[in-house]
Each structure stands twice: as C-alpha cells, then as structure tokens.
C-alpha atoms as a PDB file:
ATOM      1  CA  MET A   1      -8.801  25.824 -82.181  1.00  0.00           C
ATOM      2  CA  ARG A   2     -10.775  24.285 -85.003  1.00  0.00           C
ATOM      3  CA  ALA A   3      -9.981  20.766 -86.246  1.00  0.00           C
ATOM      4  CA  GLN A   4      -8.664  22.138 -89.578  1.00  0.00           C
ATOM      5  CA  ASP A   5      -6.288  24.498 -87.722  1.00  0.00           C
ATOM      6  CA  GLU A   6      -4.988  21.602 -85.622  1.00  0.00           C
ATOM      7  CA  GLN A   7      -4.384  19.550 -88.783  1.00  0.00           C
ATOM      8  CA  ASN A   8      -2.523  22.445 -90.404  1.00  0.00           C
ATOM      9  CA  ASP A   9      -0.496  22.927 -87.243  1.00  0.00           C
ATOM     10  CA  ALA A  10       0.640  19.282 -87.200  1.00  0.00           C
ATOM     11  CA  ALA A  11       1.377  19.348 -90.936  1.00  0.00           C
ATOM     12  CA  SER A  12       3.422  22.547 -90.518  1.00  0.00           C
ATOM     13  CA  ARG A  13       5.817  20.671 -88.213  1.00  0.00           C
ATOM     14  CA  ILE A  14       6.749  18.230 -91.011  1.00  0.00           C
ATOM     15  CA  LEU A  15       9.866  19.642 -92.633  1.00  0.00           C
ATOM     16  CA  GLU A  16      12.039  18.778 -95.592  1.00  0.00           C
ATOM     17  CA  ARG A  17      15.673  18.213 -94.637  1.00  0.00           C
ATOM     18  CA  ASN A  18      17.041  21.686 -95.471  1.00  0.00           C
ATOM     19  CA  ARG A  19      14.321  23.452 -93.491  1.00  0.00           C
ATOM     20  CA  LEU A  20      14.834  20.982 -90.636  1.00  0.00           C
ATOM     21  CA  ILE A  21      18.584  21.677 -90.553  1.00  0.00           C
ATOM     22  CA  ALA A  22      17.876  25.420 -90.367  1.00  0.00           C
ATOM     23  CA  ARG A  23      15.276  25.048 -87.583  1.00  0.00           C
ATOM     24  CA  VAL A  24      17.575  22.798 -85.530  1.00  0.00           C
ATOM     25  CA  ALA A  25      20.468  25.256 -85.972  1.00  0.00           C
ATOM     26  CA  ILE A  26      18.304  28.115 -84.679  1.00  0.00           C
ATOM     27  CA  ALA A  27      17.145  26.068 -81.693  1.00  0.00           C
ATOM     28  CA  ARG A  28      20.722  25.035 -80.889  1.00  0.00           C
ATOM     29  CA  LYS A  29      21.912  28.653 -81.159  1.00  0.00           C
ATOM     30  CA  ASN A  30      19.230  29.527 -78.605  1.00  0.00           C
ATOM     31  CA  GLY A  31      20.610  26.897 -76.225  1.00  0.00           C
ATOM     32  CA  ALA A  32      18.211  24.021 -76.899  1.00  0.00           C
ATOM     33  CA  ARG A  33      19.282  20.426 -76.325  1.00  0.00           C
ATOM     34  CA  ILE A  34      18.295  18.521 -79.481  1.00  0.00           C
ATOM     35  CA  VAL A  35      16.926  14.971 -79.229  1.00  0.00           C
ATOM     36  CA  PHE A  36      16.337  12.736 -82.231  1.00  0.00           C
ATOM     37  CA  ALA A  37      14.143   9.625 -82.430  1.00  0.00           C
ATOM     38  CA  ASN A  38      13.136   7.600 -85.467  1.00  0.00           C
ATOM     39  CA  GLY A  39      10.975   4.764 -86.689  1.00  0.00           C
ATOM     40  CA  CYS A  40       8.363   3.540 -89.133  1.00  0.00           C
ATOM     41  CA  PHE A  41       5.343   4.388 -86.937  1.00  0.00           C
ATOM     42  CA  ASP A  42       3.063   2.433 -89.288  1.00  0.00           C
ATOM     43  CA  ILE A  43       0.263   1.892 -86.773  1.00  0.00           C
ATOM     44  CA  LEU A  44       0.743   4.173 -83.799  1.00  0.00           C
ATOM     45  CA  HIS A  45       0.469   2.348 -80.464  1.00  0.00           C
ATOM     46  CA  VAL A  46       1.205   3.036 -76.805  1.00  0.00           C
ATOM     47  CA  GLY A  47       4.802   1.808 -77.148  1.00  0.00           C
ATOM     48  CA  HIS A  48       5.434   4.579 -79.692  1.00  0.00           C
ATOM     49  CA  VAL A  49       3.859   7.199 -77.431  1.00  0.00           C
ATOM     50  CA  ARG A  50       5.944   6.089 -74.435  1.00  0.00           C
ATOM     51  CA  TYR A  51       9.120   6.039 -76.538  1.00  0.00           C
ATOM     52  CA  LEU A  52       8.535   9.548 -77.871  1.00  0.00           C
ATOM     53  CA  GLU A  53       7.531  10.989 -74.495  1.00  0.00           C
ATOM     54  CA  ALA A  54      10.647   9.508 -72.874  1.00  0.00           C
ATOM     55  CA  ALA A  55      12.806  10.864 -75.710  1.00  0.00           C
ATOM     56  CA  ARG A  56      11.281  14.339 -75.342  1.00  0.00           C
ATOM     57  CA  ALA A  57      12.052  14.335 -71.618  1.00  0.00           C
ATOM     58  CA  LEU A  58      15.778  14.193 -72.484  1.00  0.00           C
ATOM     59  CA  GLY A  59      15.929  17.622 -74.097  1.00  0.00           C
ATOM     60  CA  ASP A  60      14.278  20.762 -75.354  1.00  0.00           C
ATOM     61  CA  LEU A  61      13.470  19.906 -78.977  1.00  0.00           C
ATOM     62  CA  LEU A  62      12.382  16.464 -80.187  1.00  0.00           C
ATOM     63  CA  VAL A  63      12.931  15.749 -83.878  1.00  0.00           C
ATOM     64  CA  VAL A  64      11.424  12.530 -85.234  1.00  0.00           C
ATOM     65  CA  GLY A  65      12.612  10.853 -88.424  1.00  0.00           C
ATOM     66  CA  ILE A  66      10.022   8.707 -90.219  1.00  0.00           C
ATOM     67  CA  ASN A  67      11.059   5.996 -92.683  1.00  0.00           C
ATOM     68  CA  CYS A  68       9.673   6.646 -96.173  1.00  0.00           C
ATOM     69  CA  ASP A  69       7.223   4.138 -97.644  1.00  0.00           C
ATOM     70  CA  GLU A  70       9.881   2.447 -99.801  1.00  0.00           C
ATOM     71  CA  GLN A  71      12.144   1.841 -96.801  1.00  0.00           C
ATOM     72  CA  VAL A  72       9.267   0.532 -94.674  1.00  0.00           C
ATOM     73  CA  ARG A  73       8.502  -1.994 -97.436  1.00  0.00           C
ATOM     74  CA  ALA A  74      12.165  -3.033 -97.471  1.00  0.00           C
ATOM     75  CA  LEU A  75      12.201  -3.420 -93.669  1.00  0.00           C
ATOM     76  CA  LYS A  76       8.738  -4.884 -93.025  1.00  0.00           C
ATOM     77  CA  GLY A  77       7.837  -6.632 -96.264  1.00  0.00           C
ATOM     78  CA  PRO A  78       5.104  -6.473 -98.908  1.00  0.00           C
ATOM     79  CA  GLY A  79       1.877  -4.796 -97.907  1.00  0.00           C
ATOM     80  CA  ARG A  80       3.614  -2.377 -95.579  1.00  0.00           C
ATOM     81  CA  PRO A  81       3.257   0.356 -94.680  1.00  0.00           C
ATOM     82  CA  LEU A  82      -0.466   0.363 -94.156  1.00  0.00           C
ATOM     83  CA  ILE A  83      -0.470   4.134 -93.721  1.00  0.00           C
ATOM     84  CA  PRO A  84       1.313   6.371 -96.283  1.00  0.00           C
ATOM     85  CA  GLU A  85       4.416   8.275 -95.145  1.00  0.00           C
ATOM     86  CA  ARG A  86       2.860  11.740 -95.172  1.00  0.00           C
ATOM     87  CA  GLU A  87      -0.067  10.566 -93.011  1.00  0.00           C
ATOM     88  CA  ARG A  88       2.274   8.728 -90.612  1.00  0.00           C
ATOM     89  CA  ALA A  89       4.333  11.913 -90.328  1.00  0.00           C
ATOM     90  CA  GLU A  90       1.251  14.019 -89.607  1.00  0.00           C
ATOM     91  CA  ILE A  91       0.019  11.609 -86.938  1.00  0.00           C
ATOM     92  CA  VAL A  92       3.404  11.669 -85.191  1.00  0.00           C
ATOM     93  CA  ALA A  93       3.643  15.464 -85.562  1.00  0.00           C
ATOM     94  CA  SER A  94       0.299  15.803 -83.781  1.00  0.00           C
ATOM     95  CA  LEU A  95       1.692  14.256 -80.588  1.00  0.00           C
ATOM     96  CA  ARG A  96       2.381  16.733 -77.784  1.00  0.00           C
ATOM     97  CA  ALA A  97       5.902  15.368 -77.200  1.00  0.00           C
ATOM     98  CA  VAL A  98       7.013  15.908 -80.815  1.00  0.00           C
ATOM     99  CA  ASP A  99       8.335  19.235 -82.060  1.00  0.00           C
ATOM    100  CA  LEU A 100       9.468  18.500 -85.621  1.00  0.00           C
ATOM    101  CA  VAL A 101       9.135  15.581 -88.040  1.00  0.00           C
ATOM    102  CA  THR A 102      10.950  14.705 -91.225  1.00  0.00           C
ATOM    103  CA  ILE A 103      10.643  11.811 -93.657  1.00  0.00           C
ATOM    104  CA  PHE A 104      13.946  10.197 -94.605  1.00  0.00           C
ATOM    105  CA  HIS A 105      14.523   8.157 -97.745  1.00  0.00           C
ATOM    106  CA  GLU A 106      17.845   6.450 -97.004  1.00  0.00           C
ATOM    107  CA  PRO A 107      17.978   2.907 -95.579  1.00  0.00           C
ATOM    108  CA  THR A 108      19.465   4.259 -92.315  1.00  0.00           C
ATOM    109  CA  VAL A 109      19.306   7.538 -90.385  1.00  0.00           C
ATOM    110  CA  GLU A 110      23.076   8.086 -90.560  1.00  0.00           C
ATOM    111  CA  ALA A 111      22.952  10.944 -93.110  1.00  0.00           C
ATOM    112  CA  LEU A 112      20.142  12.637 -91.202  1.00  0.00           C
ATOM    113  CA  LEU A 113      22.056  12.329 -87.923  1.00  0.00           C
ATOM    114  CA  LEU A 114      25.123  13.902 -89.528  1.00  0.00           C
ATOM    115  CA  ALA A 115      22.986  16.693 -90.984  1.00  0.00           C
ATOM    116  CA  ILE A 116      21.328  17.753 -87.714  1.00  0.00           C
ATOM    117  CA  ARG A 117      23.853  16.396 -85.179  1.00  0.00           C
ATOM    118  CA  PRO A 118      21.431  15.926 -82.279  1.00  0.00           C
ATOM    119  CA  ASP A 119      22.826  15.992 -78.756  1.00  0.00           C
ATOM    120  CA  ILE A 120      20.944  12.770 -78.028  1.00  0.00           C
ATOM    121  CA  HIS A 121      19.887   9.950 -80.334  1.00  0.00           C
ATOM    122  CA  ALA A 122      17.054   8.164 -78.513  1.00  0.00           C
ATOM    123  CA  LYS A 123      16.368   4.535 -79.389  1.00  0.00           C
ATOM    124  CA  GLY A 124      13.779   2.096 -78.066  1.00  0.00           C
ATOM    125  CA  THR A 125      14.317  -0.734 -75.636  1.00  0.00           C
ATOM    126  CA  ASP A 126      14.679  -3.284 -78.421  1.00  0.00           C
ATOM    127  CA  TYR A 127      18.273  -1.931 -78.544  1.00  0.00           C
ATOM    128  CA  THR A 128      21.111  -1.529 -76.088  1.00  0.00           C
ATOM    129  CA  GLU A 129      23.606   1.315 -76.399  1.00  0.00           C
ATOM    130  CA  GLU A 130      26.037  -1.196 -77.910  1.00  0.00           C
ATOM    131  CA  THR A 131      23.601  -2.519 -80.536  1.00  0.00           C
ATOM    132  CA  VAL A 132      22.365   0.832 -81.916  1.00  0.00           C
ATOM    133  CA  PRO A 133      23.574   0.728 -85.546  1.00  0.00           C
ATOM    134  CA  GLU A 134      24.269   4.483 -85.648  1.00  0.00           C
ATOM    135  CA  ARG A 135      26.123   4.685 -82.324  1.00  0.00           C
ATOM    136  CA  GLU A 136      29.555   5.384 -83.875  1.00  0.00           C
ATOM    137  CA  ILE A 137      28.132   8.139 -86.091  1.00  0.00           C
ATOM    138  CA  VAL A 138      26.536   9.793 -83.046  1.00  0.00           C
ATOM    139  CA  ARG A 139      29.717   9.467 -80.989  1.00  0.00           C
ATOM    140  CA  SER A 140      31.804  10.881 -83.878  1.00  0.00           C
ATOM    141  CA  TYR A 141      30.325  14.345 -83.435  1.00  0.00           C
ATOM    142  CA  GLY A 142      30.098  14.176 -79.615  1.00  0.00           C
ATOM    143  CA  GLY A 143      26.471  13.078 -79.277  1.00  0.00           C
ATOM    144  CA  ARG A 144      25.079  10.416 -76.958  1.00  0.00           C
ATOM    145  CA  VAL A 145      22.883   7.391 -77.570  1.00  0.00           C
ATOM    146  CA  VAL A 146      20.196   6.867 -74.922  1.00  0.00           C
ATOM    147  CA  ILE A 147      17.772   3.929 -74.672  1.00  0.00           C
ATOM    148  CA  VAL A 148      14.244   5.025 -73.715  1.00  0.00           C
ATOM    149  CA  GLY A 149      10.666   3.807 -73.532  1.00  0.00           C
ATOM    150  CA  ASP A 150       8.945   0.836 -72.030  1.00  0.00           C
ATOM    151  CA  PRO A 151       9.873  -2.807 -72.670  1.00  0.00           C
ATOM    152  CA  LYS A 152       9.269  -3.885 -76.272  1.00  0.00           C
ATOM    153  CA  GLU A 153       5.841  -5.406 -75.621  1.00  0.00           C
ATOM    154  CA  HIS A 154       4.034  -3.578 -78.412  1.00  0.00           C
ATOM    155  CA  SER A 155       4.561  -3.607 -82.155  1.00  0.00           C
ATOM    156  CA  SER A 156       2.695  -2.564 -85.263  1.00  0.00           C
ATOM    157  CA  SER A 157       3.535  -5.944 -86.821  1.00  0.00           C
ATOM    158  CA  ALA A 158       1.934  -7.800 -83.882  1.00  0.00           C
ATOM    159  CA  LEU A 159      -1.173  -5.602 -84.121  1.00  0.00           C
ATOM    160  CA  ILE A 160      -1.473  -6.295 -87.837  1.00  0.00           C
ATOM    161  CA  GLU A 161      -1.194 -10.050 -87.232  1.00  0.00           C
ATOM    162  CA  LYS A 162      -3.827  -9.828 -84.491  1.00  0.00           C
ATOM    163  CA  LEU A 163      -6.163  -7.967 -86.839  1.00  0.00           C
ATOM    164  CA  LYS A 164      -5.611 -10.547 -89.581  1.00  0.00           C
ATOM    165  CA  GLY A 165      -6.473 -13.297 -87.073  1.00  0.00           C
ATOM    166  CA  ALA A 166      -9.616 -11.478 -85.958  1.00  0.00           C
ATOM    167  CA  LYS A 167     -10.681 -10.982 -89.565  1.00  0.00           C
ATOM    168  CA  MET A 168     -10.292 -14.702 -90.232  1.00  0.00           C
ATOM    169  CA  GLY A 169     -12.343 -15.534 -87.129  1.00  0.00           C
ATOM    170  CA  ARG A 170      -9.494 -16.952 -85.069  1.00  0.00           C
END
C-alpha cells in the first residue's frame, strides 16, 4: 500500500457523530462488543499506545474520542494543543488498535457516551473506577467502566516541559 493510501485509510476512520452512531449500531447488530476510550492525544507517546491497545483487547471495536482544540486549550492551558485536532485524530486513527475516531466538542464525553452507548468505557490508570467522571452515565445504560493501560508515568505535558528545558539548555 502506498503512503497516500495509508493516509486516506486512517483519515477514512475519522467520523462525524452521526456516521459514528450508524457504524457502531451496525457493529453492535453484528454482535460486536464496543469499547470507547478518549483523550487529548496532543503528543502521542507510549502511554497512549499502551492505553489504546489495552482498551482494544476488551472488545471487538475500539472507538476513540478526541477532545477538540478548544477543549484541549480549556483543559491544558494556552499554547495547547500543539497538534491540531484533525491531525491528532488522524495519528490516532493510524494505530492498529483503533477502529474508529471522532472529535468531540463538548467539555466532557457524556453526550458521546449516551449517543453510542459502548459496552465498555476504558479509562487510563490516572483514574479508578470510582473517580471516572462519566461512570454514572455509563452505568445508566448498562455499560461498564474499566481501567486499563500502564501506570501514569508518561504525559504529553511532561514531554513538552522536557522539550522546553532542552531548548533552553537545561
């Protein structure tokens, strides 16, 4: 496969919400267990890869929600994200573990969870099942929250700080 075909393939897995809802419904009708993961994914690192691979292992179809640029700025502060939302989505969509990607514009993933009703909402190890903000939403429709990935020893914010330090000669 040529590089351009691979790029188009990854980009074709980024769906607007209505198309995502339809694709998830078809997969569910065919017996697939739907897993949902989400994040900013500003600078992709090994912690992200491990999180997404562990989430994918829980089911048949992994859907990843990516925070839009405006929400990343609200969460992470000025100057973030470093990578625009569409590019972050394409990078995540290119990962073998990921089946579908969508960009969400709300401050939380609650509306998206209610729209696709995944069987499993996978969150990283910086949470416990009790501290996942969306846990009651997931439980309300019969879904489960599962904590996956390696210990929170990697972060885009820490990488950015390290790069700033290197640039300043520290």
